[in-house]
C-alpha atoms as a PDB file:
ATOM      1  CA  MET A   1     -29.956 -23.036  -1.467  1.00  0.00           C
ATOM      2  CA  VAL A   2     -26.718 -21.046  -1.289  1.00  0.00           C
ATOM      3  CA  VAL A   3     -23.308 -22.686  -1.593  1.00  0.00           C
ATOM      4  CA  ALA A   4     -19.893 -21.273  -0.670  1.00  0.00           C
ATOM      5  CA  LEU A   5     -17.009 -22.495  -2.837  1.00  0.00           C
ATOM      6  CA  ASN A   6     -13.366 -22.201  -1.866  1.00  0.00           C
ATOM      7  CA  THR A   7     -10.267 -23.396  -3.693  1.00  0.00           C
ATOM      8  CA  ALA A   8      -6.587 -22.535  -4.013  1.00  0.00           C
ATOM      9  CA  THR A   9      -5.958 -19.007  -5.262  1.00  0.00           C
ATOM     10  CA  GLN A  10      -4.278 -20.226  -8.463  1.00  0.00           C
ATOM     11  CA  HIS A  11      -7.396 -22.245  -9.430  1.00  0.00           C
ATOM     12  CA  MET A  12     -10.104 -19.732  -8.455  1.00  0.00           C
ATOM     13  CA  ALA A  13     -10.070 -17.878 -11.782  1.00  0.00           C
ATOM     14  CA  TYR A  14     -11.044 -21.058 -13.647  1.00  0.00           C
ATOM     15  CA  LEU A  15     -13.709 -21.974 -11.105  1.00  0.00           C
ATOM     16  CA  ASP A  16     -15.092 -18.417 -11.177  1.00  0.00           C
ATOM     17  CA  VAL A  17     -15.504 -18.499 -14.983  1.00  0.00           C
ATOM     18  CA  TYR A  18     -17.221 -21.903 -14.881  1.00  0.00           C
ATOM     19  CA  VAL A  19     -19.559 -20.907 -12.052  1.00  0.00           C
ATOM     20  CA  SER A  20     -20.413 -17.547 -13.680  1.00  0.00           C
ATOM     21  CA  VAL A  21     -21.534 -19.343 -16.849  1.00  0.00           C
ATOM     22  CA  ASN A  22     -23.484 -22.159 -15.159  1.00  0.00           C
ATOM     23  CA  TYR A  23     -24.763 -20.642 -11.899  1.00  0.00           C
ATOM     24  CA  ASN A  24     -25.489 -17.286 -10.246  1.00  0.00           C
ATOM     25  CA  VAL A  25     -22.646 -15.641  -8.308  1.00  0.00           C
ATOM     26  CA  LEU A  26     -24.136 -13.736  -5.363  1.00  0.00           C
ATOM     27  CA  CYS A  27     -20.818 -12.355  -4.140  1.00  0.00           C
ATOM     28  CA  ARG A  28     -17.090 -12.901  -4.047  1.00  0.00           C
ATOM     29  CA  ILE A  29     -15.473 -12.913  -0.617  1.00  0.00           C
ATOM     30  CA  VAL A  30     -11.802 -12.418   0.205  1.00  0.00           C
ATOM     31  CA  TRP A  31     -10.669 -13.986   3.473  1.00  0.00           C
ATOM     32  CA  ALA A  32      -7.418 -12.188   4.353  1.00  0.00           C
ATOM     33  CA  TYR A  33      -5.131 -13.477   7.083  1.00  0.00           C
ATOM     34  CA  ASP A  34      -1.584 -13.260   8.392  1.00  0.00           C
ATOM     35  CA  SER A  35       0.328 -16.424   7.669  1.00  0.00           C
ATOM     36  CA  SER A  36       3.712 -16.165   9.297  1.00  0.00           C
ATOM     37  CA  GLY A  37       4.483 -19.733   8.193  1.00  0.00           C
ATOM     38  CA  VAL A  38       4.262 -18.963   4.459  1.00  0.00           C
ATOM     39  CA  GLN A  39       7.352 -16.979   3.570  1.00  0.00           C
ATOM     40  CA  SER A  40       8.682 -16.976   0.030  1.00  0.00           C
ATOM     41  CA  LYS A  41      11.990 -15.567  -1.139  1.00  0.00           C
ATOM     42  CA  LYS A  42      11.097 -15.631  -4.850  1.00  0.00           C
ATOM     43  CA  ILE A  43       7.422 -14.561  -5.118  1.00  0.00           C
ATOM     44  CA  TYR A  44       4.741 -12.932  -3.005  1.00  0.00           C
ATOM     45  CA  GLY A  45       3.103 -15.380  -0.623  1.00  0.00           C
ATOM     46  CA  SER A  46      -0.660 -15.840  -0.715  1.00  0.00           C
ATOM     47  CA  LEU A  47      -2.295 -14.251   2.327  1.00  0.00           C
ATOM     48  CA  TYR A  48      -5.909 -14.673   1.320  1.00  0.00           C
ATOM     49  CA  GLU A  49      -8.493 -17.271   0.373  1.00  0.00           C
ATOM     50  CA  PRO A  50     -11.084 -16.507  -2.321  1.00  0.00           C
ATOM     51  CA  ILE A  51     -14.644 -17.686  -1.655  1.00  0.00           C
ATOM     52  CA  LEU A  52     -17.577 -17.673  -4.087  1.00  0.00           C
ATOM     53  CA  MET A  53     -21.112 -17.488  -2.715  1.00  0.00           C
ATOM     54  CA  ILE A  54     -23.442 -18.935  -5.349  1.00  0.00           C
ATOM     55  CA  ASN A  55     -26.939 -20.236  -5.973  1.00  0.00           C
ATOM     56  CA  LYS A  56     -28.553 -22.042  -8.912  1.00  0.00           C
ATOM     57  CA  ASN A  57     -29.902 -18.982 -10.730  1.00  0.00           C
ATOM     58  CA  ALA A  58     -30.844 -15.352 -10.168  1.00  0.00           C
ATOM     59  CA  LYS A  59     -34.494 -16.268  -9.535  1.00  0.00           C
ATOM     60  CA  SER A  60     -33.655 -18.784  -6.781  1.00  0.00           C
ATOM     61  CA  LYS A  61     -34.991 -17.698  -3.413  1.00  0.00           C
ATOM     62  CA  TYR A  62     -32.760 -17.833  -0.361  1.00  0.00           C
ATOM     63  CA  THR A  63     -32.631 -16.357   3.130  1.00  0.00           C
ATOM     64  CA  PHE A  64     -29.766 -14.096   4.172  1.00  0.00           C
ATOM     65  CA  ASN A  65     -29.878 -13.726   7.970  1.00  0.00           C
ATOM     66  CA  HIS A  66     -28.099 -10.384   8.101  1.00  0.00           C
ATOM     67  CA  GLU A  67     -29.207  -9.737  11.690  1.00  0.00           C
ATOM     68  CA  ASP A  68     -27.048 -12.678  12.828  1.00  0.00           C
ATOM     69  CA  ILE A  69     -23.767 -11.337  11.409  1.00  0.00           C
ATOM     70  CA  LEU A  70     -23.858  -7.614  12.250  1.00  0.00           C
ATOM     71  CA  VAL A  71     -20.561  -5.986  13.212  1.00  0.00           C
ATOM     72  CA  GLU A  72     -19.716  -2.629  14.752  1.00  0.00           C
ATOM     73  CA  ALA A  73     -20.017   0.265  12.297  1.00  0.00           C
ATOM     74  CA  LYS A  74     -16.927   2.243  13.290  1.00  0.00           C
ATOM     75  CA  THR A  75     -16.731   4.985  10.690  1.00  0.00           C
ATOM     76  CA  GLY A  76     -19.777   7.203  11.039  1.00  0.00           C
ATOM     77  CA  LEU A  77     -20.756   6.511  14.615  1.00  0.00           C
ATOM     78  CA  LYS A  78     -17.404   7.147  16.334  1.00  0.00           C
ATOM     79  CA  ARG A  79     -16.975  10.386  14.416  1.00  0.00           C
ATOM     80  CA  LYS A  80     -20.614  11.281  15.213  1.00  0.00           C
ATOM     81  CA  LEU A  81     -21.440  11.761  11.536  1.00  0.00           C
ATOM     82  CA  ILE A  82     -25.010  12.653  10.682  1.00  0.00           C
ATOM     83  CA  ASP A  83     -26.869  11.147   7.752  1.00  0.00           C
ATOM     84  CA  TYR A  84     -28.610  14.130   6.200  1.00  0.00           C
ATOM     85  CA  ARG A  85     -30.310  11.897   3.606  1.00  0.00           C
ATOM     86  CA  LYS A  86     -32.734  10.829   6.335  1.00  0.00           C
ATOM     87  CA  ASN A  87     -35.684  12.975   7.251  1.00  0.00           C
ATOM     88  CA  PRO A  88     -35.157  14.049   9.970  1.00  0.00           C
ATOM     89  CA  PRO A  89     -31.321  13.782   9.899  1.00  0.00           C
ATOM     90  CA  GLN A  90     -29.926  11.204  12.341  1.00  0.00           C
ATOM     91  CA  LEU A  91     -26.681   9.629  13.497  1.00  0.00           C
ATOM     92  CA  TYR A  92     -25.340   6.707  11.514  1.00  0.00           C
ATOM     93  CA  LYS A  93     -26.222   3.231  12.775  1.00  0.00           C
ATOM     94  CA  THR A  94     -24.045   1.448  15.318  1.00  0.00           C
ATOM     95  CA  GLU A  95     -24.041  -1.879  13.434  1.00  0.00           C
ATOM     96  CA  LYS A  96     -23.772  -2.981   9.816  1.00  0.00           C
ATOM     97  CA  VAL A  97     -23.501  -6.080   7.655  1.00  0.00           C
ATOM     98  CA  PRO A  98     -19.784  -6.787   7.089  1.00  0.00           C
ATOM     99  CA  GLY A  99     -18.258  -6.282   3.653  1.00  0.00           C
ATOM    100  CA  ASN A 100     -16.812  -8.929   1.392  1.00  0.00           C
ATOM    101  CA  VAL A 101     -13.247  -8.672   2.744  1.00  0.00           C
ATOM    102  CA  TRP A 102     -12.867 -10.669   5.937  1.00  0.00           C
ATOM    103  CA  ASN A 103      -9.765 -10.010   8.059  1.00  0.00           C
ATOM    104  CA  PHE A 104      -8.903 -12.598  10.666  1.00  0.00           C
ATOM    105  CA  GLY A 105      -5.713 -12.476  12.677  1.00  0.00           C
ATOM    106  CA  SER A 106      -3.549 -15.538  13.106  1.00  0.00           C
ATOM    107  CA  GLY A 107      -4.365 -15.650  16.807  1.00  0.00           C
ATOM    108  CA  LEU A 108      -0.655 -15.854  17.628  1.00  0.00           C
ATOM    109  CA  LYS A 109       0.944 -13.451  20.053  1.00  0.00           C
END
């Protein structure tokens, strides 16, 4: 079983240390967003949410359905880059698994 943990940015460091000692951290995700409502005049406002993806231990089995979350691979395909590591060389793939930084707009216009 895989669990995703999310907490306030100021508490994540403590949670991360605890989880790293007692469980297996699969990845750390940063959910970045535009929050026009949070505007500080004294410090930088938080525009992200940290998320830990964990399981019980490194030997725990889990299923990661990567086919269900594929996104457009913009870099190599649009520039028609060729992957010469393949034999024979071929164009880069049109889809990929997203990285660990998720950018979501506020949806406001």
